[in-house]
Amino acid sequence: MPNPKRRHSQQRGAKRRTHYKAEKVTLSKDSTTGETHVRHRAHVSEGKLYYKGKVVSEKA
C-alpha cells in the first residue's frame, strides 16, 4: 500500500475538512397524527410506529 513520503501540514488537512458541514434536519408534519418528525424516518406516536402516514408496526 502506498504511504506518504513526507508529513502533511495541519493546514492541508484543515483545508480538506472545511467542506464537512453540519446540515439542518428537515422536519415534516404527519398528516395522520399531526406530529412533527424528521423527514424520511419512521416515528412513534401513541405506541405505534408510523411511516408516510401509515401504521407500520403496532408495538414499537
PDB file of N, CA and C in Angstrom:
ATOM      1  N   MET A   1       0.823  -1.195   0.000  1.00  0.00           N
ATOM      2  CA  MET A   1       0.000   0.000   0.000  1.00  0.00           C
ATOM      3  C   MET A   1       0.860   1.249   0.000  1.00  0.00           C
ATOM      4  N   PRO A   2       0.481   2.259  -0.758  1.00  0.00           N
ATOM      5  CA  PRO A   2       1.292   3.475  -0.797  1.00  0.00           C
ATOM      6  C   PRO A   2       1.153   4.285   0.484  1.00  0.00           C
ATOM      7  N   ASN A   3       2.254   4.818   0.923  1.00  0.00           N
ATOM      8  CA  ASN A   3       2.279   5.673   2.108  1.00  0.00           C
ATOM      9  C   ASN A   3       2.872   7.020   1.723  1.00  0.00           C
ATOM     10  N   PRO A   4       2.464   8.083   2.440  1.00  0.00           N
ATOM     11  CA  PRO A   4       3.039   9.390   2.122  1.00  0.00           C
ATOM     12  C   PRO A   4       4.532   9.432   2.452  1.00  0.00           C
ATOM     13  N   LYS A   5       5.286  10.057   1.570  1.00  0.00           N
ATOM     14  CA  LYS A   5       6.732  10.140   1.776  1.00  0.00           C
ATOM     15  C   LYS A   5       7.066  11.178   2.837  1.00  0.00           C
ATOM     16  N   ARG A   6       6.290  12.270   2.859  1.00  0.00           N
ATOM     17  CA  ARG A   6       6.506  13.337   3.838  1.00  0.00           C
ATOM     18  C   ARG A   6       5.218  13.618   4.595  1.00  0.00           C
ATOM     19  N   ARG A   7       5.367  14.254   5.732  1.00  0.00           N
ATOM     20  CA  ARG A   7       4.228  14.591   6.584  1.00  0.00           C
ATOM     21  C   ARG A   7       3.412  15.724   5.966  1.00  0.00           C
ATOM     22  N   HIS A   8       2.083  15.593   6.004  1.00  0.00           N
ATOM     23  CA  HIS A   8       1.222  16.668   5.532  1.00  0.00           C
ATOM     24  C   HIS A   8       1.046  17.692   6.644  1.00  0.00           C
ATOM     25  N   SER A   9       0.963  18.953   6.283  1.00  0.00           N
ATOM     26  CA  SER A   9       0.806  20.003   7.283  1.00  0.00           C
ATOM     27  C   SER A   9      -0.615  19.997   7.846  1.00  0.00           C
ATOM     28  N   GLN A  10      -0.778  20.616   9.010  1.00  0.00           N
ATOM     29  CA  GLN A  10      -2.096  20.716   9.636  1.00  0.00           C
ATOM     30  C   GLN A  10      -3.031  21.554   8.773  1.00  0.00           C
ATOM     31  N   GLN A  11      -2.491  22.568   8.139  1.00  0.00           N
ATOM     32  CA  GLN A  11      -3.287  23.442   7.265  1.00  0.00           C
ATOM     33  C   GLN A  11      -3.870  22.658   6.088  1.00  0.00           C
ATOM     34  N   ARG A  12      -3.095  21.743   5.564  1.00  0.00           N
ATOM     35  CA  ARG A  12      -3.550  20.960   4.420  1.00  0.00           C
ATOM     36  C   ARG A  12      -4.752  20.085   4.803  1.00  0.00           C
ATOM     37  N   GLY A  13      -4.685  19.507   5.989  1.00  0.00           N
ATOM     38  CA  GLY A  13      -5.806  18.694   6.475  1.00  0.00           C
ATOM     39  C   GLY A  13      -7.020  19.550   6.758  1.00  0.00           C
ATOM     40  N   ALA A  14      -6.804  20.748   7.302  1.00  0.00           N
ATOM     41  CA  ALA A  14      -7.893  21.663   7.626  1.00  0.00           C
ATOM     42  C   ALA A  14      -8.601  22.142   6.360  1.00  0.00           C
ATOM     43  N   LYS A  15      -7.837  22.379   5.304  1.00  0.00           N
ATOM     44  CA  LYS A  15      -8.427  22.796   4.020  1.00  0.00           C
ATOM     45  C   LYS A  15      -9.359  21.726   3.486  1.00  0.00           C
ATOM     46  N   ARG A  16      -8.959  20.476   3.646  1.00  0.00           N
ATOM     47  CA  ARG A  16      -9.773  19.364   3.164  1.00  0.00           C
ATOM     48  C   ARG A  16     -11.068  19.247   3.975  1.00  0.00           C
ATOM     49  N   ARG A  17     -10.980  19.503   5.273  1.00  0.00           N
ATOM     50  CA  ARG A  17     -12.142  19.324   6.152  1.00  0.00           C
ATOM     51  C   ARG A  17     -13.122  20.483   6.145  1.00  0.00           C
ATOM     52  N   THR A  18     -12.822  21.594   5.481  1.00  0.00           N
ATOM     53  CA  THR A  18     -13.719  22.747   5.507  1.00  0.00           C
ATOM     54  C   THR A  18     -15.049  22.449   4.842  1.00  0.00           C
ATOM     55  N   HIS A  19     -15.105  21.442   3.996  1.00  0.00           N
ATOM     56  CA  HIS A  19     -16.339  21.143   3.273  1.00  0.00           C
ATOM     57  C   HIS A  19     -17.282  20.252   4.064  1.00  0.00           C
ATOM     58  N   TYR A  20     -16.841  19.705   5.196  1.00  0.00           N
ATOM     59  CA  TYR A  20     -17.716  18.878   6.025  1.00  0.00           C
ATOM     60  C   TYR A  20     -18.464  19.800   6.969  1.00  0.00           C
ATOM     61  N   LYS A  21     -19.735  20.069   6.651  1.00  0.00           N
ATOM     62  CA  LYS A  21     -20.519  20.981   7.473  1.00  0.00           C
ATOM     63  C   LYS A  21     -21.743  20.264   8.025  1.00  0.00           C
ATOM     64  N   ALA A  22     -22.174  20.671   9.183  1.00  0.00           N
ATOM     65  CA  ALA A  22     -23.399  20.121   9.757  1.00  0.00           C
ATOM     66  C   ALA A  22     -24.592  20.744   9.047  1.00  0.00           C
ATOM     67  N   GLU A  23     -25.543  19.908   8.661  1.00  0.00           N
ATOM     68  CA  GLU A  23     -26.728  20.400   7.972  1.00  0.00           C
ATOM     69  C   GLU A  23     -27.936  20.357   8.903  1.00  0.00           C
ATOM     70  N   LYS A  24     -28.832  21.300   8.692  1.00  0.00           N
ATOM     71  CA  LYS A  24     -30.037  21.368   9.494  1.00  0.00           C
ATOM     72  C   LYS A  24     -31.005  20.276   9.043  1.00  0.00           C
ATOM     73  N   VAL A  25     -31.597  19.546   9.992  1.00  0.00           N
ATOM     74  CA  VAL A  25     -32.530  18.484   9.628  1.00  0.00           C
ATOM     75  C   VAL A  25     -33.859  19.089   9.181  1.00  0.00           C
ATOM     76  N   THR A  26     -34.500  18.446   8.218  1.00  0.00           N
ATOM     77  CA  THR A  26     -35.780  18.912   7.706  1.00  0.00           C
ATOM     78  C   THR A  26     -36.898  18.215   8.463  1.00  0.00           C
ATOM     79  N   LEU A  27     -37.805  18.999   9.027  1.00  0.00           N
ATOM     80  CA  LEU A  27     -38.915  18.437   9.778  1.00  0.00           C
ATOM     81  C   LEU A  27     -40.189  18.476   8.945  1.00  0.00           C
ATOM     82  N   SER A  28     -41.037  17.485   9.181  1.00  0.00           N
ATOM     83  CA  SER A  28     -42.318  17.400   8.492  1.00  0.00           C
ATOM     84  C   SER A  28     -43.415  17.191   9.520  1.00  0.00           C
ATOM     85  N   LYS A  29     -44.651  17.493   9.121  1.00  0.00           N
ATOM     86  CA  LYS A  29     -45.803  17.252   9.981  1.00  0.00           C
ATOM     87  C   LYS A  29     -46.571  16.064   9.414  1.00  0.00           C
ATOM     88  N   ASP A  30     -46.811  15.066  10.254  1.00  0.00           N
ATOM     89  CA  ASP A  30     -47.528  13.877   9.817  1.00  0.00           C
ATOM     90  C   ASP A  30     -48.995  14.214   9.618  1.00  0.00           C
ATOM     91  N   SER A  31     -49.553  13.801   8.479  1.00  0.00           N
ATOM     92  CA  SER A  31     -50.950  14.113   8.168  1.00  0.00           C
ATOM     93  C   SER A  31     -51.917  13.325   9.048  1.00  0.00           C
ATOM     94  N   THR A  32     -51.521  12.135   9.497  1.00  0.00           N
ATOM     95  CA  THR A  32     -52.399  11.291  10.303  1.00  0.00           C
ATOM     96  C   THR A  32     -52.399  11.703  11.770  1.00  0.00           C
ATOM     97  N   THR A  33     -51.204  11.809  12.368  1.00  0.00           N
ATOM     98  CA  THR A  33     -51.098  12.087  13.802  1.00  0.00           C
ATOM     99  C   THR A  33     -50.926  13.565  14.114  1.00  0.00           C
ATOM    100  N   GLY A  34     -50.418  14.332  13.171  1.00  0.00           N
ATOM    101  CA  GLY A  34     -50.186  15.758  13.404  1.00  0.00           C
ATOM    102  C   GLY A  34     -48.886  16.055  14.110  1.00  0.00           C
ATOM    103  N   GLU A  35     -48.063  15.037  14.314  1.00  0.00           N
ATOM    104  CA  GLU A  35     -46.779  15.234  14.989  1.00  0.00           C
ATOM    105  C   GLU A  35     -45.713  15.684  14.004  1.00  0.00           C
ATOM    106  N   THR A  36     -44.742  16.443  14.514  1.00  0.00           N
ATOM    107  CA  THR A  36     -43.596  16.806  13.685  1.00  0.00           C
ATOM    108  C   THR A  36     -42.530  15.725  13.846  1.00  0.00           C
ATOM    109  N   HIS A  37     -41.885  15.380  12.752  1.00  0.00           N
ATOM    110  CA  HIS A  37     -40.861  14.338  12.769  1.00  0.00           C
ATOM    111  C   HIS A  37     -39.829  14.632  11.687  1.00  0.00           C
ATOM    112  N   VAL A  38     -38.712  13.936  11.749  1.00  0.00           N
ATOM    113  CA  VAL A  38     -37.654  14.084  10.760  1.00  0.00           C
ATOM    114  C   VAL A  38     -38.122  13.418   9.462  1.00  0.00           C
ATOM    115  N   ARG A  39     -37.919  14.101   8.341  1.00  0.00           N
ATOM    116  CA  ARG A  39     -38.379  13.577   7.044  1.00  0.00           C
ATOM    117  C   ARG A  39     -37.703  12.255   6.695  1.00  0.00           C
ATOM    118  N   HIS A  40     -38.435  11.390   6.028  1.00  0.00           N
ATOM    119  CA  HIS A  40     -37.971  10.090   5.557  1.00  0.00           C
ATOM    120  C   HIS A  40     -37.512   9.189   6.693  1.00  0.00           C
ATOM    121  N   ARG A  41     -38.105   9.361   7.867  1.00  0.00           N
ATOM    122  CA  ARG A  41     -37.816   8.500   9.009  1.00  0.00           C
ATOM    123  C   ARG A  41     -39.133   8.076   9.638  1.00  0.00           C
ATOM    124  N   ALA A  42     -39.172   6.855  10.141  1.00  0.00           N
ATOM    125  CA  ALA A  42     -40.346   6.386  10.870  1.00  0.00           C
ATOM    126  C   ALA A  42     -40.351   7.047  12.242  1.00  0.00           C
ATOM    127  N   HIS A  43     -41.550   7.271  12.814  1.00  0.00           N
ATOM    128  CA  HIS A  43     -41.643   7.879  14.138  1.00  0.00           C
ATOM    129  C   HIS A  43     -42.722   7.183  14.962  1.00  0.00           C
ATOM    130  N   VAL A  44     -42.581   7.238  16.282  1.00  0.00           N
ATOM    131  CA  VAL A  44     -43.508   6.590  17.195  1.00  0.00           C
ATOM    132  C   VAL A  44     -44.509   7.611  17.703  1.00  0.00           C
ATOM    133  N   SER A  45     -45.783   7.217  17.683  1.00  0.00           N
ATOM    134  CA  SER A  45     -46.839   8.051  18.230  1.00  0.00           C
ATOM    135  C   SER A  45     -47.865   7.141  18.890  1.00  0.00           C
ATOM    136  N   GLU A  46     -48.064   7.337  20.199  1.00  0.00           N
ATOM    137  CA  GLU A  46     -49.016   6.550  20.990  1.00  0.00           C
ATOM    138  C   GLU A  46     -48.759   5.046  20.881  1.00  0.00           C
ATOM    139  N   GLY A  47     -47.497   4.651  20.917  1.00  0.00           N
ATOM    140  CA  GLY A  47     -47.127   3.235  20.900  1.00  0.00           C
ATOM    141  C   GLY A  47     -47.173   2.585  19.529  1.00  0.00           C
ATOM    142  N   LYS A  48     -47.444   3.352  18.480  1.00  0.00           N
ATOM    143  CA  LYS A  48     -47.482   2.809  17.124  1.00  0.00           C
ATOM    144  C   LYS A  48     -46.388   3.460  16.282  1.00  0.00           C
ATOM    145  N   LEU A  49     -45.820   2.663  15.393  1.00  0.00           N
ATOM    146  CA  LEU A  49     -44.757   3.149  14.521  1.00  0.00           C
ATOM    147  C   LEU A  49     -45.366   3.570  13.189  1.00  0.00           C
ATOM    148  N   TYR A  50     -45.168   4.842  12.817  1.00  0.00           N
ATOM    149  CA  TYR A  50     -45.735   5.394  11.590  1.00  0.00           C
ATOM    150  C   TYR A  50     -44.648   5.698  10.577  1.00  0.00           C
ATOM    151  N   TYR A  51     -44.974   5.498   9.299  1.00  0.00           N
ATOM    152  CA  TYR A  51     -44.108   5.921   8.202  1.00  0.00           C
ATOM    153  C   TYR A  51     -45.001   6.316   7.036  1.00  0.00           C
ATOM    154  N   LYS A  52     -44.808   7.529   6.517  1.00  0.00           N
ATOM    155  CA  LYS A  52     -45.614   8.091   5.437  1.00  0.00           C
ATOM    156  C   LYS A  52     -47.103   8.082   5.775  1.00  0.00           C
ATOM    157  N   GLY A  53     -47.439   8.343   7.036  1.00  0.00           N
ATOM    158  CA  GLY A  53     -48.843   8.447   7.444  1.00  0.00           C
ATOM    159  C   GLY A  53     -49.545   7.134   7.667  1.00  0.00           C
ATOM    160  N   LYS A  54     -48.830   6.030   7.534  1.00  0.00           N
ATOM    161  CA  LYS A  54     -49.443   4.701   7.707  1.00  0.00           C
ATOM    162  C   LYS A  54     -48.800   3.989   8.882  1.00  0.00           C
ATOM    163  N   VAL A  55     -49.581   3.138   9.557  1.00  0.00           N
ATOM    164  CA  VAL A  55     -49.056   2.347  10.676  1.00  0.00           C
ATOM    165  C   VAL A  55     -48.212   1.221  10.118  1.00  0.00           C
ATOM    166  N   VAL A  56     -46.952   1.168  10.576  1.00  0.00           N
ATOM    167  CA  VAL A  56     -46.045   0.126  10.129  1.00  0.00           C
ATOM    168  C   VAL A  56     -46.031  -1.010  11.140  1.00  0.00           C
ATOM    169  N   SER A  57     -46.044  -0.653  12.425  1.00  0.00           N
ATOM    170  CA  SER A  57     -45.996  -1.651  13.485  1.00  0.00           C
ATOM    171  C   SER A  57     -46.831  -1.165  14.659  1.00  0.00           C
ATOM    172  N   GLU A  58     -47.540  -2.099  15.290  1.00  0.00           N
ATOM    173  CA  GLU A  58     -48.374  -1.755  16.447  1.00  0.00           C
ATOM    174  C   GLU A  58     -47.535  -1.502  17.687  1.00  0.00           C
ATOM    175  N   LYS A  59     -46.538  -2.345  17.951  1.00  0.00           N
ATOM    176  CA  LYS A  59     -45.654  -2.163  19.098  1.00  0.00           C
ATOM    177  C   LYS A  59     -44.330  -1.617  18.632  1.00  0.00           C
ATOM    178  N   ALA A  60     -43.857  -0.598  19.321  1.00  0.00           N
ATOM    179  CA  ALA A  60     -42.575  -0.006  18.927  1.00  0.00           C
ATOM    180  C   ALA A  60     -41.552  -0.240  20.007  1.00  0.00           C
TER     181      ALA A  60
END
